[in-house]
Amino acid sequence: MISPSLLHAAALALLIPALGLTACSKSKQDQADNAQAQLQQANQNLEQAQKNLAQAQQQAAEAKASAKKKEAQKKVADAKQDQARARQKQSEAKQASEHKTAQARSHAREQARSHSKPVCSDCGTISSITPIQRNAQHGSGVGAVAGGVAGGAIGSQIGHGAGKTIAEIAGALGGAYAGNAAEKHIRKVTVYRVNVAMDTGGTRSVTLNSVNGLSTGTRVRVDGHNLAPLR
């Protein structure tokens, strides 16, 4: 029969290796857990670093945009100031030009008044020429002769002696007058009514027997019932 002490020794001999294996396994598991924890911590650190980097990049972009915005705003302000100065110079130049123009016009008017010729009260410009048909004022004599002959012939048929002679004379005179009047009525002449717009204002009309080369627009001097072209 095996003694209890031997059994206890044998049990201890079997238990000791098992305990060693268990301790070794536990140590390996702890190391694995530590490594896993370190990996998780590293991942968290990396994620935080990435967040920090993104935030830093965003802040840098915002700062750059803000700087560009300020620069652009400064350029706009400078451009507005340049525009205001240019407008001021333009206004000053315009005022100076208007002032000089007014002075030049005033000087020109004064010179024109000092060198102006005296107004011709009888001078003007022909505005119209109208032909007019009129009876002749003087007969050629043919009508008077013919009328006198006819009147004398008619008078010779009246009375006897001295009465006949008187009748012939009266008939000749009456016939001559009637013949001359008839000739003037039949014989027409053309005259020209010329209207002249005077330099001093108004219009004057002159009747001419011939225009002698005058036409509308001709400068003339009115001399009584005649017109003299101006040179």
C-alpha atoms as a PDB file:
ATOM      1  CA  MET A   1       0.000   0.000   0.000  1.00  0.00           C
ATOM      2  CA  ILE A   2       1.281   3.359  -1.058  1.00  0.00           C
ATOM      3  CA  SER A   3       1.716   5.758   1.715  1.00  0.00           C
ATOM      4  CA  PRO A   4      -0.131   9.049   1.757  1.00  0.00           C
ATOM      5  CA  SER A   5       3.100  10.922   1.707  1.00  0.00           C
ATOM      6  CA  LEU A   6       4.102   9.306  -1.528  1.00  0.00           C
ATOM      7  CA  LEU A   7       0.755  10.112  -3.076  1.00  0.00           C
ATOM      8  CA  HIS A   8       1.079  13.705  -1.964  1.00  0.00           C
ATOM      9  CA  ALA A   9       4.552  13.905  -3.435  1.00  0.00           C
ATOM     10  CA  ALA A  10       3.370  12.440  -6.710  1.00  0.00           C
ATOM     11  CA  ALA A  11       0.489  14.896  -6.884  1.00  0.00           C
ATOM     12  CA  LEU A  12       2.819  17.759  -6.258  1.00  0.00           C
ATOM     13  CA  ALA A  13       5.106  16.501  -8.977  1.00  0.00           C
ATOM     14  CA  LEU A  14       2.238  16.522 -11.444  1.00  0.00           C
ATOM     15  CA  LEU A  15       0.794  19.874 -10.285  1.00  0.00           C
ATOM     16  CA  ILE A  16       3.981  21.935 -10.457  1.00  0.00           C
ATOM     17  CA  PRO A  17       4.439  21.677 -14.293  1.00  0.00           C
ATOM     18  CA  ALA A  18       0.781  22.461 -14.811  1.00  0.00           C
ATOM     19  CA  LEU A  19       1.078  25.544 -12.680  1.00  0.00           C
ATOM     20  CA  GLY A  20       4.122  26.650 -14.683  1.00  0.00           C
ATOM     21  CA  LEU A  21       2.284  26.277 -17.955  1.00  0.00           C
ATOM     22  CA  THR A  22      -0.655  28.236 -16.588  1.00  0.00           C
ATOM     23  CA  ALA A  23       1.585  31.071 -15.408  1.00  0.00           C
ATOM     24  CA  CYS A  24       3.355  31.210 -18.745  1.00  0.00           C
ATOM     25  CA  SER A  25       0.058  31.350 -20.665  1.00  0.00           C
ATOM     26  CA  LYS A  26      -1.205  34.127 -18.446  1.00  0.00           C
ATOM     27  CA  SER A  27       1.963  36.145 -19.058  1.00  0.00           C
ATOM     28  CA  LYS A  28       1.591  35.803 -22.845  1.00  0.00           C
ATOM     29  CA  GLN A  29      -2.064  36.883 -22.685  1.00  0.00           C
ATOM     30  CA  ASP A  30      -1.145  39.903 -20.625  1.00  0.00           C
ATOM     31  CA  GLN A  31       1.473  40.867 -23.174  1.00  0.00           C
ATOM     32  CA  ALA A  32      -1.054  40.455 -25.989  1.00  0.00           C
ATOM     33  CA  ASP A  33      -3.596  42.544 -24.107  1.00  0.00           C
ATOM     34  CA  ASN A  34      -0.994  45.224 -23.486  1.00  0.00           C
ATOM     35  CA  ALA A  35      -0.047  45.234 -27.154  1.00  0.00           C
ATOM     36  CA  GLN A  36      -3.708  45.503 -28.142  1.00  0.00           C
ATOM     37  CA  ALA A  37      -4.193  48.364 -25.727  1.00  0.00           C
ATOM     38  CA  GLN A  38      -1.106  50.110 -27.069  1.00  0.00           C
ATOM     39  CA  LEU A  39      -2.392  49.630 -30.633  1.00  0.00           C
ATOM     40  CA  GLN A  40      -5.745  51.144 -29.727  1.00  0.00           C
ATOM     41  CA  GLN A  41      -3.992  54.041 -28.024  1.00  0.00           C
ATOM     42  CA  ALA A  42      -1.790  54.524 -31.080  1.00  0.00           C
ATOM     43  CA  ASN A  43      -4.862  54.525 -33.334  1.00  0.00           C
ATOM     44  CA  GLN A  44      -6.539  57.088 -31.105  1.00  0.00           C
ATOM     45  CA  ASN A  45      -3.401  59.217 -31.130  1.00  0.00           C
ATOM     46  CA  LEU A  46      -3.219  58.987 -34.939  1.00  0.00           C
ATOM     47  CA  GLU A  47      -6.870  59.935 -35.303  1.00  0.00           C
ATOM     48  CA  GLN A  48      -6.387  62.913 -32.992  1.00  0.00           C
ATOM     49  CA  ALA A  49      -3.262  63.926 -34.892  1.00  0.00           C
ATOM     50  CA  GLN A  50      -5.210  63.790 -38.171  1.00  0.00           C
ATOM     51  CA  LYS A  51      -7.957  65.918 -36.646  1.00  0.00           C
ATOM     52  CA  ASN A  52      -5.381  68.406 -35.406  1.00  0.00           C
ATOM     53  CA  LEU A  53      -3.763  68.492 -38.848  1.00  0.00           C
ATOM     54  CA  ALA A  54      -7.100  69.086 -40.599  1.00  0.00           C
ATOM     55  CA  GLN A  55      -7.966  71.833 -38.119  1.00  0.00           C
ATOM     56  CA  ALA A  56      -4.564  73.453 -38.591  1.00  0.00           C
ATOM     57  CA  GLN A  57      -4.946  73.291 -42.384  1.00  0.00           C
ATOM     58  CA  GLN A  58      -8.416  74.856 -42.177  1.00  0.00           C
ATOM     59  CA  GLN A  59      -7.132  77.625 -39.925  1.00  0.00           C
ATOM     60  CA  ALA A  60      -4.261  78.253 -42.328  1.00  0.00           C
ATOM     61  CA  ALA A  61      -6.670  78.416 -45.293  1.00  0.00           C
ATOM     62  CA  GLU A  62      -8.963  80.787 -43.411  1.00  0.00           C
ATOM     63  CA  ALA A  63      -6.039  82.977 -42.443  1.00  0.00           C
ATOM     64  CA  LYS A  64      -4.823  83.014 -46.038  1.00  0.00           C
ATOM     65  CA  ALA A  65      -8.304  83.842 -47.339  1.00  0.00           C
ATOM     66  CA  SER A  66      -8.657  86.571 -44.732  1.00  0.00           C
ATOM     67  CA  ALA A  67      -5.302  88.030 -45.733  1.00  0.00           C
ATOM     68  CA  LYS A  68      -6.281  87.942 -49.408  1.00  0.00           C
ATOM     69  CA  LYS A  69      -9.637  89.489 -48.580  1.00  0.00           C
ATOM     70  CA  LYS A  70      -7.979  92.299 -46.671  1.00  0.00           C
ATOM     71  CA  GLU A  71      -5.549  92.823 -49.532  1.00  0.00           C
ATOM     72  CA  ALA A  72      -8.415  92.898 -52.038  1.00  0.00           C
ATOM     73  CA  GLN A  73     -10.371  95.322 -49.858  1.00  0.00           C
ATOM     74  CA  LYS A  74      -7.330  97.574 -49.650  1.00  0.00           C
ATOM     75  CA  LYS A  75      -6.969  97.518 -53.434  1.00  0.00           C
ATOM     76  CA  VAL A  76     -10.655  98.399 -53.827  1.00  0.00           C
ATOM     77  CA  ALA A  77     -10.292 101.277 -51.361  1.00  0.00           C
ATOM     78  CA  ASP A  78      -7.197 102.534 -53.207  1.00  0.00           C
ATOM     79  CA  ALA A  79      -9.026 102.287 -56.541  1.00  0.00           C
ATOM     80  CA  LYS A  80     -11.967 104.269 -55.154  1.00  0.00           C
ATOM     81  CA  GLN A  81      -9.614 106.968 -53.911  1.00  0.00           C
ATOM     82  CA  ASP A  82      -7.918 107.124 -57.319  1.00  0.00           C
ATOM     83  CA  GLN A  83     -11.327 107.378 -58.983  1.00  0.00           C
ATOM     84  CA  ALA A  84     -12.377 110.196 -56.650  1.00  0.00           C
ATOM     85  CA  ARG A  85      -9.157 112.092 -57.388  1.00  0.00           C
ATOM     86  CA  ALA A  86      -9.640 111.560 -61.134  1.00  0.00           C
ATOM     87  CA  ARG A  87     -13.214 112.859 -60.941  1.00  0.00           C
ATOM     88  CA  GLN A  88     -12.051 115.884 -58.991  1.00  0.00           C
ATOM     89  CA  LYS A  89      -9.416 116.643 -61.620  1.00  0.00           C
ATOM     90  CA  GLN A  90     -11.981 116.139 -64.384  1.00  0.00           C
ATOM     91  CA  SER A  91     -14.387 118.551 -62.693  1.00  0.00           C
ATOM     92  CA  GLU A  92     -11.642 121.140 -62.248  1.00  0.00           C
ATOM     93  CA  ALA A  93     -10.560 120.743 -65.881  1.00  0.00           C
ATOM     94  CA  LYS A  94     -14.173 121.091 -67.065  1.00  0.00           C
ATOM     95  CA  GLN A  95     -14.686 124.254 -65.034  1.00  0.00           C
ATOM     96  CA  ALA A  96     -11.438 125.703 -66.350  1.00  0.00           C
ATOM     97  CA  SER A  97     -12.419 124.824 -69.930  1.00  0.00           C
ATOM     98  CA  GLU A  98     -15.871 126.387 -69.558  1.00  0.00           C
ATOM     99  CA  HIS A  99     -14.335 129.506 -68.043  1.00  0.00           C
ATOM    100  CA  LYS A 100     -11.807 129.838 -70.864  1.00  0.00           C
ATOM    101  CA  THR A 101     -14.512 129.192 -73.476  1.00  0.00           C
ATOM    102  CA  ALA A 102     -16.703 131.907 -71.967  1.00  0.00           C
ATOM    103  CA  GLN A 103     -13.766 134.312 -71.967  1.00  0.00           C
ATOM    104  CA  ALA A 104     -12.965 133.477 -75.603  1.00  0.00           C
ATOM    105  CA  ARG A 105     -16.578 134.017 -76.669  1.00  0.00           C
ATOM    106  CA  SER A 106     -16.766 137.302 -74.803  1.00  0.00           C
ATOM    107  CA  HIS A 107     -13.517 138.439 -76.404  1.00  0.00           C
ATOM    108  CA  ALA A 108     -14.765 137.390 -79.846  1.00  0.00           C
ATOM    109  CA  ARG A 109     -18.009 139.336 -79.372  1.00  0.00           C
ATOM    110  CA  GLU A 110     -16.089 142.416 -78.290  1.00  0.00           C
ATOM    111  CA  GLN A 111     -13.803 142.152 -81.311  1.00  0.00           C
ATOM    112  CA  ALA A 112     -16.782 141.655 -83.601  1.00  0.00           C
ATOM    113  CA  ARG A 113     -18.449 144.756 -82.190  1.00  0.00           C
ATOM    114  CA  SER A 114     -15.269 146.794 -82.498  1.00  0.00           C
ATOM    115  CA  HIS A 115     -14.633 145.690 -86.102  1.00  0.00           C
ATOM    116  CA  SER A 116     -18.227 145.463 -87.302  1.00  0.00           C
ATOM    117  CA  LYS A 117     -19.182 147.551 -90.322  1.00  0.00           C
ATOM    118  CA  PRO A 118     -22.023 150.082 -90.052  1.00  0.00           C
ATOM    119  CA  VAL A 119     -25.366 148.645 -91.105  1.00  0.00           C
ATOM    120  CA  CYS A 120     -26.492 149.702 -94.586  1.00  0.00           C
ATOM    121  CA  SER A 121     -30.089 150.888 -94.281  1.00  0.00           C
ATOM    122  CA  ASP A 122     -30.692 150.598 -98.058  1.00  0.00           C
ATOM    123  CA  CYS A 123     -29.048 147.179 -98.513  1.00  0.00           C
ATOM    124  CA  GLY A 124     -30.716 143.809 -98.582  1.00  0.00           C
ATOM    125  CA  THR A 125     -31.123 140.473-100.344  1.00  0.00           C
ATOM    126  CA  ILE A 126     -33.582 139.702-103.138  1.00  0.00           C
ATOM    127  CA  SER A 127     -36.156 137.285-101.718  1.00  0.00           C
ATOM    128  CA  SER A 128     -38.405 136.891-104.787  1.00  0.00           C
ATOM    129  CA  ILE A 129     -38.889 138.034-108.399  1.00  0.00           C
ATOM    130  CA  THR A 130     -42.426 137.908-109.872  1.00  0.00           C
ATOM    131  CA  PRO A 131     -43.168 138.607-113.591  1.00  0.00           C
ATOM    132  CA  ILE A 132     -46.330 140.703-114.133  1.00  0.00           C
ATOM    133  CA  GLN A 133     -48.230 141.355-117.405  1.00  0.00           C
ATOM    134  CA  ARG A 134     -49.342 144.989-117.917  1.00  0.00           C
ATOM    135  CA  ASN A 135     -50.888 147.081-120.670  1.00  0.00           C
ATOM    136  CA  ALA A 136     -48.400 149.208-122.588  1.00  0.00           C
ATOM    137  CA  GLN A 137     -48.288 152.795-121.307  1.00  0.00           C
ATOM    138  CA  HIS A 138     -47.464 154.213-124.764  1.00  0.00           C
ATOM    139  CA  GLY A 139     -48.725 153.062-128.143  1.00  0.00           C
ATOM    140  CA  SER A 140     -46.498 152.657-131.157  1.00  0.00           C
ATOM    141  CA  GLY A 141     -48.608 155.151-133.192  1.00  0.00           C
ATOM    142  CA  VAL A 142     -49.987 152.565-135.565  1.00  0.00           C
ATOM    143  CA  GLY A 143     -53.281 152.385-133.703  1.00  0.00           C
ATOM    144  CA  ALA A 144     -53.608 156.163-133.576  1.00  0.00           C
ATOM    145  CA  VAL A 145     -52.968 156.525-137.321  1.00  0.00           C
ATOM    146  CA  ALA A 146     -55.360 153.751-138.209  1.00  0.00           C
ATOM    147  CA  GLY A 147     -57.985 155.137-135.855  1.00  0.00           C
ATOM    148  CA  GLY A 148     -57.540 158.654-137.225  1.00  0.00           C
ATOM    149  CA  VAL A 149     -57.970 157.479-140.807  1.00  0.00           C
ATOM    150  CA  ALA A 150     -61.050 155.488-139.928  1.00  0.00           C
ATOM    151  CA  GLY A 151     -62.493 158.338-137.865  1.00  0.00           C
ATOM    152  CA  GLY A 152     -61.852 160.866-140.644  1.00  0.00           C
ATOM    153  CA  ALA A 153     -63.530 158.609-143.174  1.00  0.00           C
ATOM    154  CA  ILE A 154     -66.559 158.280-140.958  1.00  0.00           C
ATOM    155  CA  GLY A 155     -66.628 162.050-140.291  1.00  0.00           C
ATOM    156  CA  SER A 156     -66.541 162.815-144.021  1.00  0.00           C
ATOM    157  CA  GLN A 157     -69.873 161.129-144.341  1.00  0.00           C
ATOM    158  CA  ILE A 158     -71.469 163.646-142.009  1.00  0.00           C
ATOM    159  CA  GLY A 159     -72.693 167.127-143.035  1.00  0.00           C
ATOM    160  CA  HIS A 160     -71.701 169.451-145.858  1.00  0.00           C
ATOM    161  CA  GLY A 161     -69.220 172.263-146.229  1.00  0.00           C
ATOM    162  CA  ALA A 162     -67.678 173.555-143.020  1.00  0.00           C
ATOM    163  CA  GLY A 163     -69.715 171.125-140.935  1.00  0.00           C
ATOM    164  CA  LYS A 164     -68.338 168.267-142.921  1.00  0.00           C
ATOM    165  CA  THR A 165     -64.791 169.492-142.354  1.00  0.00           C
ATOM    166  CA  ILE A 166     -65.378 169.783-138.623  1.00  0.00           C
ATOM    167  CA  ALA A 167     -66.856 166.299-138.601  1.00  0.00           C
ATOM    168  CA  GLU A 168     -63.819 164.925-140.440  1.00  0.00           C
ATOM    169  CA  ILE A 169     -61.447 166.573-137.949  1.00  0.00           C
ATOM    170  CA  ALA A 170     -63.450 165.364-134.960  1.00  0.00           C
ATOM    171  CA  GLY A 171     -63.678 161.883-136.422  1.00  0.00           C
ATOM    172  CA  ALA A 172     -59.941 161.798-137.064  1.00  0.00           C
ATOM    173  CA  LEU A 173     -59.116 162.944-133.522  1.00  0.00           C
ATOM    174  CA  GLY A 174     -61.593 160.566-131.936  1.00  0.00           C
ATOM    175  CA  GLY A 175     -60.429 157.709-134.101  1.00  0.00           C
ATOM    176  CA  ALA A 176     -56.786 158.396-133.280  1.00  0.00           C
ATOM    177  CA  TYR A 177     -57.511 158.404-129.542  1.00  0.00           C
ATOM    178  CA  ALA A 178     -59.597 155.260-129.730  1.00  0.00           C
ATOM    179  CA  GLY A 179     -57.020 153.522-131.909  1.00  0.00           C
ATOM    180  CA  ASN A 180     -54.199 154.405-129.544  1.00  0.00           C
ATOM    181  CA  ALA A 181     -56.208 153.168-126.519  1.00  0.00           C
ATOM    182  CA  ALA A 182     -57.103 149.963-128.322  1.00  0.00           C
ATOM    183  CA  GLU A 183     -53.456 149.367-129.236  1.00  0.00           C
ATOM    184  CA  LYS A 184     -52.330 149.832-125.622  1.00  0.00           C
ATOM    185  CA  HIS A 185     -55.018 147.407-124.454  1.00  0.00           C
ATOM    186  CA  ILE A 186     -54.002 144.793-126.988  1.00  0.00           C
ATOM    187  CA  ARG A 187     -50.266 145.287-126.625  1.00  0.00           C
ATOM    188  CA  LYS A 188     -48.996 143.757-123.307  1.00  0.00           C
ATOM    189  CA  VAL A 189     -45.613 144.274-121.637  1.00  0.00           C
ATOM    190  CA  THR A 190     -43.888 142.228-118.888  1.00  0.00           C
ATOM    191  CA  VAL A 191     -42.511 143.925-115.790  1.00  0.00           C
ATOM    192  CA  TYR A 192     -40.908 142.367-112.712  1.00  0.00           C
ATOM    193  CA  ARG A 193     -41.856 142.917-109.099  1.00  0.00           C
ATOM    194  CA  VAL A 194     -38.736 142.366-106.995  1.00  0.00           C
ATOM    195  CA  ASN A 195     -39.020 141.920-103.214  1.00  0.00           C
ATOM    196  CA  VAL A 196     -35.921 142.743-101.166  1.00  0.00           C
ATOM    197  CA  ALA A 197     -35.407 141.569 -97.564  1.00  0.00           C
ATOM    198  CA  MET A 198     -33.668 144.547 -95.972  1.00  0.00           C
ATOM    199  CA  ASP A 199     -30.705 144.141 -93.610  1.00  0.00           C
ATOM    200  CA  THR A 200     -32.416 146.421 -91.109  1.00  0.00           C
ATOM    201  CA  GLY A 201     -35.597 144.332 -91.226  1.00  0.00           C
ATOM    202  CA  GLY A 202     -38.741 144.442 -93.303  1.00  0.00           C
ATOM    203  CA  THR A 203     -39.248 144.074 -97.056  1.00  0.00           C
ATOM    204  CA  ARG A 204     -39.235 146.598 -99.894  1.00  0.00           C
ATOM    205  CA  SER A 205     -40.731 146.037-103.358  1.00  0.00           C
ATOM    206  CA  VAL A 206     -39.419 147.549-106.583  1.00  0.00           C
ATOM    207  CA  THR A 207     -40.960 147.157-110.063  1.00  0.00           C
ATOM    208  CA  LEU A 208     -38.424 146.848-112.882  1.00  0.00           C
ATOM    209  CA  ASN A 209     -38.819 146.605-116.635  1.00  0.00           C
ATOM    210  CA  SER A 210     -35.881 144.171-116.733  1.00  0.00           C
ATOM    211  CA  VAL A 211     -34.071 142.159-114.065  1.00  0.00           C
ATOM    212  CA  ASN A 212     -30.704 142.577-115.838  1.00  0.00           C
ATOM    213  CA  GLY A 213     -29.179 139.401-114.391  1.00  0.00           C
ATOM    214  CA  LEU A 214     -30.649 139.798-110.912  1.00  0.00           C
ATOM    215  CA  SER A 215     -31.865 136.633-109.179  1.00  0.00           C
ATOM    216  CA  THR A 216     -33.108 135.433-105.815  1.00  0.00           C
ATOM    217  CA  GLY A 217     -30.328 135.710-103.237  1.00  0.00           C
ATOM    218  CA  THR A 218     -28.523 138.611-104.951  1.00  0.00           C
ATOM    219  CA  ARG A 219     -27.283 141.317-102.593  1.00  0.00           C
ATOM    220  CA  VAL A 220     -28.536 144.731-103.774  1.00  0.00           C
ATOM    221  CA  ARG A 221     -28.877 148.341-102.739  1.00  0.00           C
ATOM    222  CA  VAL A 222     -32.312 149.932-103.168  1.00  0.00           C
ATOM    223  CA  ASP A 223     -31.895 153.267-104.970  1.00  0.00           C
ATOM    224  CA  GLY A 224     -35.338 154.790-105.358  1.00  0.00           C
ATOM    225  CA  HIS A 225     -37.118 152.658-107.978  1.00  0.00           C
ATOM    226  CA  ASN A 226     -33.938 150.908-109.080  1.00  0.00           C
ATOM    227  CA  LEU A 227     -31.729 148.151-107.681  1.00  0.00           C
ATOM    228  CA  ALA A 228     -27.937 148.222-107.767  1.00  0.00           C
ATOM    229  CA  PRO A 229     -26.076 144.932-107.210  1.00  0.00           C
ATOM    230  CA  LEU A 230     -23.539 145.012-104.369  1.00  0.00           C
ATOM    231  CA  ARG A 231     -20.000 143.934-105.115  1.00  0.00           C
END
